[in-house]
């Protein structure tokens, strides 16, 4: 059972990453081509997947409990860093690196595909999407807020908050989440003529996202490996451990419980490369952290599956 689950998750991911990297090595894709694929997933495939799955979700007490279980570990980690930064007088840079390196995960590009490979059911796909919604809304808001305040330096809190709200209002993932929630809460139905292409777009997310990972990682120069290795512990152990310890309070069954823990263990998101370059914030460290957590994910995520009792 352990071997079959590991093979079902590791082999497809490694093959797709390898094909993506090979496409760069053979010159089939150039450096800029990977950004085109990234734009496709970010602006079309993933928003379609989010919109459809959220719109088809019934938001009852169990659903809200599941979403709360996803949000709680992020909030605990965030406030934990705020407290220890005050106690030990951490610099703003250190506090922000620790926070972003912990809470900003690849829930869509890596998390949904991994869950679909580990739990090949329609229910698991919906749960992975729902956990992405709850985790991403909080994590992305906190992350972009910190990066904006890092760049804005002396700007007032309210001015910085206004900038952040404007950016979030234009984010395609946030827009698709809000639209999906409105459709679900108002109990509307997406017309079949729209639903079919949306399902087709969304179904490409897993394959293209993992392929894209290989294309992105190939050919980059990686430095600050030692610092990235230390930070990787936060992604591999710290945040999923918080999720593992807190998820019991929400009385979740399987696979709900496991999916929440696994989603919090996902590698650092590829989009952090773009964000770190845009905000000129520890670019080398985050690039190396993405490499380490992505390549190690096939092993440590399966170890978490064993801890969660999937033997």
C-alpha atoms as a PDB file:
ATOM      1  CA  UNK A   1       0.000   0.000   0.000  1.00  0.00           C
ATOM      2  CA  UNK A   2       2.762   2.459   0.960  1.00  0.00           C
ATOM      3  CA  UNK A   3       4.743   1.556  -2.160  1.00  0.00           C
ATOM      4  CA  UNK A   4       1.746   1.814  -4.488  1.00  0.00           C
ATOM      5  CA  UNK A   5       0.744   5.226  -3.076  1.00  0.00           C
ATOM      6  CA  UNK A   6       4.314   6.482  -3.316  1.00  0.00           C
ATOM      7  CA  UNK A   7       4.627   5.302  -6.903  1.00  0.00           C
ATOM      8  CA  UNK A   8       1.246   6.805  -7.788  1.00  0.00           C
ATOM      9  CA  UNK A   9       2.376  10.228  -6.539  1.00  0.00           C
ATOM     10  CA  UNK A  10       6.146  10.328  -7.117  1.00  0.00           C
ATOM     11  CA  UNK A  11       6.410   8.789 -10.591  1.00  0.00           C
ATOM     12  CA  UNK A  12       3.919  11.067 -12.412  1.00  0.00           C
ATOM     13  CA  UNK A  13       5.352  14.164 -10.728  1.00  0.00           C
ATOM     14  CA  UNK A  14       8.975  13.259 -11.469  1.00  0.00           C
ATOM     15  CA  UNK A  15       8.136  12.341 -15.058  1.00  0.00           C
ATOM     16  CA  UNK A  16       6.310  15.607 -15.695  1.00  0.00           C
ATOM     17  CA  UNK A  17       9.072  17.665 -14.022  1.00  0.00           C
ATOM     18  CA  UNK A  18      11.654  15.753 -16.067  1.00  0.00           C
ATOM     19  CA  UNK A  19       9.800  16.348 -19.343  1.00  0.00           C
ATOM     20  CA  UNK A  20       9.548  20.054 -18.502  1.00  0.00           C
ATOM     21  CA  UNK A  21      13.274  20.276 -17.773  1.00  0.00           C
ATOM     22  CA  UNK A  22      14.096  18.247 -20.898  1.00  0.00           C
ATOM     23  CA  UNK A  23      12.059  20.626 -23.035  1.00  0.00           C
ATOM     24  CA  UNK A  24      14.404  23.414 -21.912  1.00  0.00           C
ATOM     25  CA  UNK A  25      17.560  21.345 -22.339  1.00  0.00           C
ATOM     26  CA  UNK A  26      16.634  20.344 -25.897  1.00  0.00           C
ATOM     27  CA  UNK A  27      15.719  23.911 -26.770  1.00  0.00           C
ATOM     28  CA  UNK A  28      12.078  23.079 -27.445  1.00  0.00           C
ATOM     29  CA  UNK A  29      11.148  25.731 -24.901  1.00  0.00           C
ATOM     30  CA  UNK A  30      13.185  28.876 -24.290  1.00  0.00           C
ATOM     31  CA  UNK A  31      13.436  30.748 -20.995  1.00  0.00           C
ATOM     32  CA  UNK A  32      10.598  33.112 -21.836  1.00  0.00           C
ATOM     33  CA  UNK A  33       8.314  30.303 -23.003  1.00  0.00           C
ATOM     34  CA  UNK A  34       7.920  29.056 -19.436  1.00  0.00           C
ATOM     35  CA  UNK A  35       6.398  32.411 -18.526  1.00  0.00           C
ATOM     36  CA  UNK A  36       3.780  31.921 -21.248  1.00  0.00           C
ATOM     37  CA  UNK A  37       2.786  28.580 -19.724  1.00  0.00           C
ATOM     38  CA  UNK A  38       2.786  30.166 -16.286  1.00  0.00           C
ATOM     39  CA  UNK A  39       0.430  32.880 -17.520  1.00  0.00           C
ATOM     40  CA  UNK A  40      -1.859  30.224 -19.014  1.00  0.00           C
ATOM     41  CA  UNK A  41      -2.118  28.317 -15.722  1.00  0.00           C
ATOM     42  CA  UNK A  42      -2.336  31.460 -13.581  1.00  0.00           C
ATOM     43  CA  UNK A  43      -4.892  33.369 -15.672  1.00  0.00           C
ATOM     44  CA  UNK A  44      -6.942  30.576 -17.273  1.00  0.00           C
ATOM     45  CA  UNK A  45      -6.538  26.955 -16.099  1.00  0.00           C
ATOM     46  CA  UNK A  46      -6.328  27.433 -12.328  1.00  0.00           C
ATOM     47  CA  UNK A  47      -9.030  30.148 -12.137  1.00  0.00           C
ATOM     48  CA  UNK A  48     -11.337  27.862 -14.174  1.00  0.00           C
ATOM     49  CA  UNK A  49     -10.652  24.966 -11.805  1.00  0.00           C
ATOM     50  CA  UNK A  50     -11.308  27.161  -8.765  1.00  0.00           C
ATOM     51  CA  UNK A  51     -14.459  28.727 -10.194  1.00  0.00           C
ATOM     52  CA  UNK A  52     -16.106  25.447 -11.170  1.00  0.00           C
ATOM     53  CA  UNK A  53     -15.255  23.507  -8.010  1.00  0.00           C
ATOM     54  CA  UNK A  54     -16.266  26.334  -5.675  1.00  0.00           C
ATOM     55  CA  UNK A  55     -19.484  27.003  -7.602  1.00  0.00           C
ATOM     56  CA  UNK A  56     -20.437  23.333  -7.252  1.00  0.00           C
ATOM     57  CA  UNK A  57     -19.757  23.271  -3.493  1.00  0.00           C
ATOM     58  CA  UNK A  58     -22.508  23.288  -0.894  1.00  0.00           C
ATOM     59  CA  UNK A  59     -21.427  25.525   1.961  1.00  0.00           C
ATOM     60  CA  UNK A  60     -22.832  23.806   5.021  1.00  0.00           C
ATOM     61  CA  UNK A  61     -21.396  23.566   8.530  1.00  0.00           C
ATOM     62  CA  UNK A  62     -18.992  20.750   7.618  1.00  0.00           C
ATOM     63  CA  UNK A  63     -17.637  22.730   4.651  1.00  0.00           C
ATOM     64  CA  UNK A  64     -17.067  25.812   6.787  1.00  0.00           C
ATOM     65  CA  UNK A  65     -15.372  23.658   9.436  1.00  0.00           C
ATOM     66  CA  UNK A  66     -13.066  22.234   6.773  1.00  0.00           C
ATOM     67  CA  UNK A  67     -12.165  25.738   5.551  1.00  0.00           C
ATOM     68  CA  UNK A  68     -11.530  26.925   9.111  1.00  0.00           C
ATOM     69  CA  UNK A  69      -9.181  23.979   9.604  1.00  0.00           C
ATOM     70  CA  UNK A  70      -7.237  25.172   6.562  1.00  0.00           C
ATOM     71  CA  UNK A  71      -6.939  28.776   7.723  1.00  0.00           C
ATOM     72  CA  UNK A  72      -5.974  28.100  11.358  1.00  0.00           C
ATOM     73  CA  UNK A  73      -2.371  26.810  10.838  1.00  0.00           C
ATOM     74  CA  UNK A  74      -1.520  29.855   8.693  1.00  0.00           C
ATOM     75  CA  UNK A  75      -2.772  32.265  11.350  1.00  0.00           C
ATOM     76  CA  UNK A  76      -0.954  30.392  14.118  1.00  0.00           C
ATOM     77  CA  UNK A  77       2.341  30.481  12.177  1.00  0.00           C
ATOM     78  CA  UNK A  78       1.910  34.167  11.310  1.00  0.00           C
ATOM     79  CA  UNK A  79       1.242  35.288  14.877  1.00  0.00           C
ATOM     80  CA  UNK A  80       3.990  32.987  16.165  1.00  0.00           C
ATOM     81  CA  UNK A  81       6.523  34.833  14.000  1.00  0.00           C
ATOM     82  CA  UNK A  82       5.175  38.196  15.117  1.00  0.00           C
ATOM     83  CA  UNK A  83       5.668  37.204  18.750  1.00  0.00           C
ATOM     84  CA  UNK A  84       9.165  35.728  18.438  1.00  0.00           C
ATOM     85  CA  UNK A  85      10.300  38.647  16.270  1.00  0.00           C
ATOM     86  CA  UNK A  86       9.423  40.967  19.157  1.00  0.00           C
ATOM     87  CA  UNK A  87      10.929  38.701  21.826  1.00  0.00           C
ATOM     88  CA  UNK A  88      14.214  38.186  19.991  1.00  0.00           C
ATOM     89  CA  UNK A  89      14.322  41.539  18.173  1.00  0.00           C
ATOM     90  CA  UNK A  90      14.403  40.014  14.686  1.00  0.00           C
ATOM     91  CA  UNK A  91      14.875  42.425  11.808  1.00  0.00           C
ATOM     92  CA  UNK A  92      11.946  43.122   9.501  1.00  0.00           C
ATOM     93  CA  UNK A  93      13.770  41.237   6.742  1.00  0.00           C
ATOM     94  CA  UNK A  94      14.226  38.111   8.894  1.00  0.00           C
ATOM     95  CA  UNK A  95      10.615  38.144  10.062  1.00  0.00           C
ATOM     96  CA  UNK A  96       9.298  38.509   6.524  1.00  0.00           C
ATOM     97  CA  UNK A  97      11.578  35.756   5.143  1.00  0.00           C
ATOM     98  CA  UNK A  98      10.460  33.329   7.858  1.00  0.00           C
ATOM     99  CA  UNK A  99       6.795  34.165   7.319  1.00  0.00           C
ATOM    100  CA  UNK A 100       6.809  34.005   3.518  1.00  0.00           C
ATOM    101  CA  UNK A 101       9.007  30.901   3.475  1.00  0.00           C
ATOM    102  CA  UNK A 102       6.460  29.150   5.685  1.00  0.00           C
ATOM    103  CA  UNK A 103       2.969  30.198   4.630  1.00  0.00           C
ATOM    104  CA  UNK A 104       3.323  30.737   0.850  1.00  0.00           C
ATOM    105  CA  UNK A 105       2.745  27.287  -0.625  1.00  0.00           C
ATOM    106  CA  UNK A 106       2.233  25.842  -4.091  1.00  0.00           C
ATOM    107  CA  UNK A 107      -1.359  24.782  -3.367  1.00  0.00           C
ATOM    108  CA  UNK A 108      -2.546  25.051  -6.944  1.00  0.00           C
ATOM    109  CA  UNK A 109       0.496  24.209  -9.061  1.00  0.00           C
ATOM    110  CA  UNK A 110       1.685  21.332  -6.838  1.00  0.00           C
ATOM    111  CA  UNK A 111      -0.934  20.699  -4.152  1.00  0.00           C
ATOM    112  CA  UNK A 112      -3.957  19.918  -6.310  1.00  0.00           C
ATOM    113  CA  UNK A 113      -1.984  17.593  -8.641  1.00  0.00           C
ATOM    114  CA  UNK A 114      -0.417  15.731  -5.697  1.00  0.00           C
ATOM    115  CA  UNK A 115      -3.771  15.255  -3.954  1.00  0.00           C
ATOM    116  CA  UNK A 116      -5.312  14.059  -7.228  1.00  0.00           C
ATOM    117  CA  UNK A 117      -2.512  11.497  -7.612  1.00  0.00           C
ATOM    118  CA  UNK A 118      -2.693  10.400  -3.940  1.00  0.00           C
ATOM    119  CA  UNK A 119      -6.508  10.311  -3.750  1.00  0.00           C
ATOM    120  CA  UNK A 120      -7.768   9.776  -7.326  1.00  0.00           C
ATOM    121  CA  UNK A 121     -11.400  10.720  -6.723  1.00  0.00           C
ATOM    122  CA  UNK A 122     -13.599  13.664  -7.684  1.00  0.00           C
ATOM    123  CA  UNK A 123     -14.240  14.351  -3.981  1.00  0.00           C
ATOM    124  CA  UNK A 124     -10.518  14.701  -3.286  1.00  0.00           C
ATOM    125  CA  UNK A 125     -10.119  17.181  -6.155  1.00  0.00           C
ATOM    126  CA  UNK A 126     -12.956  19.281  -4.741  1.00  0.00           C
ATOM    127  CA  UNK A 127     -11.506  19.136  -1.227  1.00  0.00           C
ATOM    128  CA  UNK A 128      -8.064  20.139  -2.500  1.00  0.00           C
ATOM    129  CA  UNK A 129      -9.619  23.088  -4.328  1.00  0.00           C
ATOM    130  CA  UNK A 130     -11.636  24.099  -1.282  1.00  0.00           C
ATOM    131  CA  UNK A 131      -8.575  23.928   0.961  1.00  0.00           C
ATOM    132  CA  UNK A 132      -6.672  26.028  -1.588  1.00  0.00           C
ATOM    133  CA  UNK A 133      -9.425  28.640  -1.401  1.00  0.00           C
ATOM    134  CA  UNK A 134      -9.331  28.931   2.377  1.00  0.00           C
ATOM    135  CA  UNK A 135      -5.543  28.784   2.714  1.00  0.00           C
ATOM    136  CA  UNK A 136      -4.728  30.982  -0.290  1.00  0.00           C
ATOM    137  CA  UNK A 137      -7.047  33.854   0.605  1.00  0.00           C
ATOM    138  CA  UNK A 138      -5.339  34.278   3.980  1.00  0.00           C
ATOM    139  CA  UNK A 139      -1.784  33.388   2.946  1.00  0.00           C
ATOM    140  CA  UNK A 140      -1.727  35.457  -0.241  1.00  0.00           C
ATOM    141  CA  UNK A 141      -3.219  38.461   1.564  1.00  0.00           C
ATOM    142  CA  UNK A 142      -0.616  38.275   4.334  1.00  0.00           C
ATOM    143  CA  UNK A 143       2.244  37.695   1.865  1.00  0.00           C
ATOM    144  CA  UNK A 144       1.405  40.532  -0.509  1.00  0.00           C
ATOM    145  CA  UNK A 145       0.779  42.838   2.439  1.00  0.00           C
ATOM    146  CA  UNK A 146       4.235  42.095   3.894  1.00  0.00           C
ATOM    147  CA  UNK A 147       5.937  42.554   0.509  1.00  0.00           C
ATOM    148  CA  UNK A 148       4.147  45.841  -0.094  1.00  0.00           C
ATOM    149  CA  UNK A 149       5.153  47.157   3.320  1.00  0.00           C
ATOM    150  CA  UNK A 150       8.710  45.989   2.674  1.00  0.00           C
ATOM    151  CA  UNK A 151       8.812  48.008  -0.559  1.00  0.00           C
ATOM    152  CA  UNK A 152       6.841  50.993   0.690  1.00  0.00           C
ATOM    153  CA  UNK A 153       9.175  51.422   3.670  1.00  0.00           C
ATOM    154  CA  UNK A 154       7.818  54.460   5.518  1.00  0.00           C
ATOM    155  CA  UNK A 155       4.332  54.509   4.044  1.00  0.00           C
ATOM    156  CA  UNK A 156       1.501  54.671   6.565  1.00  0.00           C
ATOM    157  CA  UNK A 157      -0.456  51.544   7.438  1.00  0.00           C
ATOM    158  CA  UNK A 158      -3.643  52.766   5.745  1.00  0.00           C
ATOM    159  CA  UNK A 159      -1.889  53.849   2.545  1.00  0.00           C
ATOM    160  CA  UNK A 160      -0.156  50.488   2.322  1.00  0.00           C
ATOM    161  CA  UNK A 161      -3.418  48.646   2.965  1.00  0.00           C
ATOM    162  CA  UNK A 162      -5.096  50.534   0.118  1.00  0.00           C
ATOM    163  CA  UNK A 163      -2.333  49.482  -2.290  1.00  0.00           C
ATOM    164  CA  UNK A 164      -2.681  45.861  -1.194  1.00  0.00           C
ATOM    165  CA  UNK A 165      -6.474  45.857  -1.623  1.00  0.00           C
ATOM    166  CA  UNK A 166      -6.138  47.244  -5.152  1.00  0.00           C
ATOM    167  CA  UNK A 167      -3.669  44.505  -6.094  1.00  0.00           C
ATOM    168  CA  UNK A 168      -5.823  41.754  -4.589  1.00  0.00           C
ATOM    169  CA  UNK A 169      -8.889  43.036  -6.466  1.00  0.00           C
ATOM    170  CA  UNK A 170      -7.048  42.406  -9.761  1.00  0.00           C
ATOM    171  CA  UNK A 171      -5.679  38.968  -8.847  1.00  0.00           C
ATOM    172  CA  UNK A 172      -7.247  36.321 -11.155  1.00  0.00           C
ATOM    173  CA  UNK A 173      -7.277  33.687  -8.418  1.00  0.00           C
ATOM    174  CA  UNK A 174      -9.034  35.995  -5.966  1.00  0.00           C
ATOM    175  CA  UNK A 175     -11.542  37.021  -8.670  1.00  0.00           C
ATOM    176  CA  UNK A 176     -12.341  33.385  -9.541  1.00  0.00           C
ATOM    177  CA  UNK A 177     -12.722  32.515  -5.850  1.00  0.00           C
ATOM    178  CA  UNK A 178     -15.130  35.411  -5.259  1.00  0.00           C
ATOM    179  CA  UNK A 179     -17.172  34.557  -8.370  1.00  0.00           C
ATOM    180  CA  UNK A 180     -17.343  30.899  -7.385  1.00  0.00           C
ATOM    181  CA  UNK A 181     -18.471  31.804  -3.876  1.00  0.00           C
ATOM    182  CA  UNK A 182     -21.177  34.124  -5.201  1.00  0.00           C
ATOM    183  CA  UNK A 183     -22.507  31.439  -7.564  1.00  0.00           C
ATOM    184  CA  UNK A 184     -22.500  28.834  -4.786  1.00  0.00           C
ATOM    185  CA  UNK A 185     -24.052  31.036  -2.104  1.00  0.00           C
ATOM    186  CA  UNK A 186     -26.739  32.379  -4.464  1.00  0.00           C
ATOM    187  CA  UNK A 187     -27.360  28.782  -5.625  1.00  0.00           C
ATOM    188  CA  UNK A 188     -26.971  29.698  -9.271  1.00  0.00           C
ATOM    189  CA  UNK A 189     -26.121  27.241 -12.038  1.00  0.00           C
ATOM    190  CA  UNK A 190     -23.375  27.762 -14.604  1.00  0.00           C
ATOM    191  CA  UNK A 191     -24.890  27.219 -18.093  1.00  0.00           C
ATOM    192  CA  UNK A 192     -23.631  23.990 -19.747  1.00  0.00           C
ATOM    193  CA  UNK A 193     -22.192  25.981 -22.658  1.00  0.00           C
ATOM    194  CA  UNK A 194     -19.848  27.704 -20.181  1.00  0.00           C
ATOM    195  CA  UNK A 195     -19.444  24.800 -17.776  1.00  0.00           C
ATOM    196  CA  UNK A 196     -17.936  22.431 -20.353  1.00  0.00           C
ATOM    197  CA  UNK A 197     -15.068  24.704 -21.485  1.00  0.00           C
ATOM    198  CA  UNK A 198     -14.411  25.691 -17.873  1.00  0.00           C
ATOM    199  CA  UNK A 199     -14.078  22.022 -16.920  1.00  0.00           C
ATOM    200  CA  UNK A 200     -11.778  21.471 -19.909  1.00  0.00           C
ATOM    201  CA  UNK A 201      -9.571  24.405 -18.917  1.00  0.00           C
ATOM    202  CA  UNK A 202      -9.475  23.369 -15.270  1.00  0.00           C
ATOM    203  CA  UNK A 203      -8.573  19.768 -16.090  1.00  0.00           C
ATOM    204  CA  UNK A 204      -5.284  20.915 -17.658  1.00  0.00           C
ATOM    205  CA  UNK A 205      -4.066  22.536 -14.437  1.00  0.00           C
ATOM    206  CA  UNK A 206      -2.328  19.536 -12.873  1.00  0.00           C
ATOM    207  CA  UNK A 207      -0.403  18.403 -15.951  1.00  0.00           C
ATOM    208  CA  UNK A 208       0.715  21.829 -17.162  1.00  0.00           C
ATOM    209  CA  UNK A 209       1.598  23.074 -13.669  1.00  0.00           C
ATOM    210  CA  UNK A 210       3.965  20.201 -12.863  1.00  0.00           C
ATOM    211  CA  UNK A 211       5.489  20.307 -16.375  1.00  0.00           C
ATOM    212  CA  UNK A 212       6.001  24.032 -15.853  1.00  0.00           C
ATOM    213  CA  UNK A 213       7.885  23.377 -12.613  1.00  0.00           C
ATOM    214  CA  UNK A 214      10.575  21.451 -14.490  1.00  0.00           C
ATOM    215  CA  UNK A 215      10.812  24.128 -17.179  1.00  0.00           C
ATOM    216  CA  UNK A 216      11.161  26.871 -14.557  1.00  0.00           C
ATOM    217  CA  UNK A 217      13.767  25.126 -12.411  1.00  0.00           C
ATOM    218  CA  UNK A 218      16.052  24.185 -15.303  1.00  0.00           C
ATOM    219  CA  UNK A 219      19.048  26.408 -16.019  1.00  0.00           C
ATOM    220  CA  UNK A 220      18.775  28.714 -13.011  1.00  0.00           C
ATOM    221  CA  UNK A 221      21.726  29.561 -10.795  1.00  0.00           C
ATOM    222  CA  UNK A 222      21.123  28.618  -7.173  1.00  0.00           C
ATOM    223  CA  UNK A 223      22.930  30.252  -4.268  1.00  0.00           C
ATOM    224  CA  UNK A 224      22.364  30.557  -0.501  1.00  0.00           C
ATOM    225  CA  UNK A 225      21.662  26.832  -0.401  1.00  0.00           C
ATOM    226  CA  UNK A 226      22.490  26.530   3.316  1.00  0.00           C
ATOM    227  CA  UNK A 227      19.990  29.219   4.292  1.00  0.00           C
ATOM    228  CA  UNK A 228      17.376  27.682   2.010  1.00  0.00           C
ATOM    229  CA  UNK A 229      17.941  24.244   3.567  1.00  0.00           C
ATOM    230  CA  UNK A 230      17.239  25.677   7.020  1.00  0.00           C
ATOM    231  CA  UNK A 231      14.121  27.445   5.771  1.00  0.00           C
ATOM    232  CA  UNK A 232      12.907  24.260   4.074  1.00  0.00           C
ATOM    233  CA  UNK A 233      12.341  22.725   7.516  1.00  0.00           C
ATOM    234  CA  UNK A 234       9.557  25.258   8.038  1.00  0.00           C
ATOM    235  CA  UNK A 235       7.757  24.025   4.897  1.00  0.00           C
ATOM    236  CA  UNK A 236       8.529  20.335   5.380  1.00  0.00           C
ATOM    237  CA  UNK A 237       7.912  20.018   9.128  1.00  0.00           C
ATOM    238  CA  UNK A 238       6.800  23.140  10.978  1.00  0.00           C
ATOM    239  CA  UNK A 239       3.618  24.252   9.163  1.00  0.00           C
ATOM    240  CA  UNK A 240       2.260  20.738   8.435  1.00  0.00           C
ATOM    241  CA  UNK A 241       3.004  19.820  12.068  1.00  0.00           C
ATOM    242  CA  UNK A 242       0.842  22.742  13.208  1.00  0.00           C
ATOM    243  CA  UNK A 243      -1.888  21.522  10.853  1.00  0.00           C
ATOM    244  CA  UNK A 244      -1.497  17.954  12.135  1.00  0.00           C
ATOM    245  CA  UNK A 245      -1.871  19.105  15.752  1.00  0.00           C
ATOM    246  CA  UNK A 246      -4.778  21.496  15.179  1.00  0.00           C
ATOM    247  CA  UNK A 247      -6.893  19.623  12.632  1.00  0.00           C
ATOM    248  CA  UNK A 248      -8.253  17.333  15.361  1.00  0.00           C
ATOM    249  CA  UNK A 249     -10.102  20.258  16.949  1.00  0.00           C
ATOM    250  CA  UNK A 250     -12.317  20.480  13.862  1.00  0.00           C
ATOM    251  CA  UNK A 251     -13.428  16.815  13.989  1.00  0.00           C
ATOM    252  CA  UNK A 252     -12.618  16.072  10.367  1.00  0.00           C
ATOM    253  CA  UNK A 253     -12.775  12.610   8.874  1.00  0.00           C
ATOM    254  CA  UNK A 254     -10.754  11.191   6.008  1.00  0.00           C
ATOM    255  CA  UNK A 255      -9.610  12.253   3.496  1.00  0.00           C
ATOM    256  CA  UNK A 256     -10.441  15.780   4.755  1.00  0.00           C
ATOM    257  CA  UNK A 257      -7.923  15.628   7.590  1.00  0.00           C
ATOM    258  CA  UNK A 258      -5.070  14.339   5.436  1.00  0.00           C
ATOM    259  CA  UNK A 259      -5.675  16.823   2.631  1.00  0.00           C
ATOM    260  CA  UNK A 260      -5.474  19.777   5.022  1.00  0.00           C
ATOM    261  CA  UNK A 261      -2.131  18.586   6.426  1.00  0.00           C
ATOM    262  CA  UNK A 262      -0.718  17.786   2.981  1.00  0.00           C
ATOM    263  CA  UNK A 263      -1.722  21.146   1.517  1.00  0.00           C
ATOM    264  CA  UNK A 264       0.178  22.891   4.311  1.00  0.00           C
ATOM    265  CA  UNK A 265       3.254  20.797   3.497  1.00  0.00           C
ATOM    266  CA  UNK A 266       3.386  21.808  -0.173  1.00  0.00           C
ATOM    267  CA  UNK A 267       6.623  23.296  -1.592  1.00  0.00           C
ATOM    268  CA  UNK A 268       7.145  27.015  -1.837  1.00  0.00           C
ATOM    269  CA  UNK A 269       5.150  28.339  -4.793  1.00  0.00           C
ATOM    270  CA  UNK A 270       6.820  29.139  -8.117  1.00  0.00           C
ATOM    271  CA  UNK A 271       5.112  32.522  -8.080  1.00  0.00           C
ATOM    272  CA  UNK A 272       7.419  33.487  -5.211  1.00  0.00           C
ATOM    273  CA  UNK A 273      10.212  33.735  -7.804  1.00  0.00           C
ATOM    274  CA  UNK A 274       8.191  36.381  -9.619  1.00  0.00           C
ATOM    275  CA  UNK A 275       7.212  38.184  -6.413  1.00  0.00           C
ATOM    276  CA  UNK A 276      10.721  38.155  -4.939  1.00  0.00           C
ATOM    277  CA  UNK A 277      12.138  39.598  -8.168  1.00  0.00           C
ATOM    278  CA  UNK A 278       9.396  42.190  -8.427  1.00  0.00           C
ATOM    279  CA  UNK A 279       9.898  43.385  -4.850  1.00  0.00           C
ATOM    280  CA  UNK A 280      13.687  42.778  -4.883  1.00  0.00           C
ATOM    281  CA  UNK A 281      13.319  40.634  -1.782  1.00  0.00           C
ATOM    282  CA  UNK A 282      15.772  37.753  -1.096  1.00  0.00           C
ATOM    283  CA  UNK A 283      15.559  36.437  -4.671  1.00  0.00           C
ATOM    284  CA  UNK A 284      18.423  33.936  -4.399  1.00  0.00           C
ATOM    285  CA  UNK A 285      17.176  32.447  -1.135  1.00  0.00           C
ATOM    286  CA  UNK A 286      13.638  31.882  -2.391  1.00  0.00           C
ATOM    287  CA  UNK A 287      14.803  30.414  -5.724  1.00  0.00           C
ATOM    288  CA  UNK A 288      16.893  27.835  -3.844  1.00  0.00           C
ATOM    289  CA  UNK A 289      14.051  27.163  -1.395  1.00  0.00           C
ATOM    290  CA  UNK A 290      11.678  26.421  -4.287  1.00  0.00           C
ATOM    291  CA  UNK A 291      14.238  24.030  -5.793  1.00  0.00           C
ATOM    292  CA  UNK A 292      14.837  22.143  -2.520  1.00  0.00           C
ATOM    293  CA  UNK A 293      11.215  21.818  -1.436  1.00  0.00           C
ATOM    294  CA  UNK A 294       9.986  20.921  -4.933  1.00  0.00           C
ATOM    295  CA  UNK A 295      12.554  18.176  -5.544  1.00  0.00           C
ATOM    296  CA  UNK A 296      12.175  16.759  -2.028  1.00  0.00           C
ATOM    297  CA  UNK A 297       8.364  16.891  -2.065  1.00  0.00           C
ATOM    298  CA  UNK A 298       7.884  13.477  -3.612  1.00  0.00           C
ATOM    299  CA  UNK A 299       9.643  11.938  -0.614  1.00  0.00           C
ATOM    300  CA  UNK A 300       8.519  14.034   2.348  1.00  0.00           C
ATOM    301  CA  UNK A 301       4.875  14.296   1.251  1.00  0.00           C
ATOM    302  CA  UNK A 302       4.692  10.513   1.121  1.00  0.00           C
ATOM    303  CA  UNK A 303       6.247  10.365   4.601  1.00  0.00           C
ATOM    304  CA  UNK A 304       3.438  12.645   5.771  1.00  0.00           C
ATOM    305  CA  UNK A 305       0.968  10.235   4.162  1.00  0.00           C
ATOM    306  CA  UNK A 306       2.454   7.461   6.321  1.00  0.00           C
ATOM    307  CA  UNK A 307       2.241   9.645   9.453  1.00  0.00           C
ATOM    308  CA  UNK A 308      -1.396  10.329   8.581  1.00  0.00           C
ATOM    309  CA  UNK A 309      -2.047   6.592   8.536  1.00  0.00           C
ATOM    310  CA  UNK A 310      -2.146   5.856   4.800  1.00  0.00           C
ATOM    311  CA  UNK A 311      -0.092   2.670   5.015  1.00  0.00           C
END
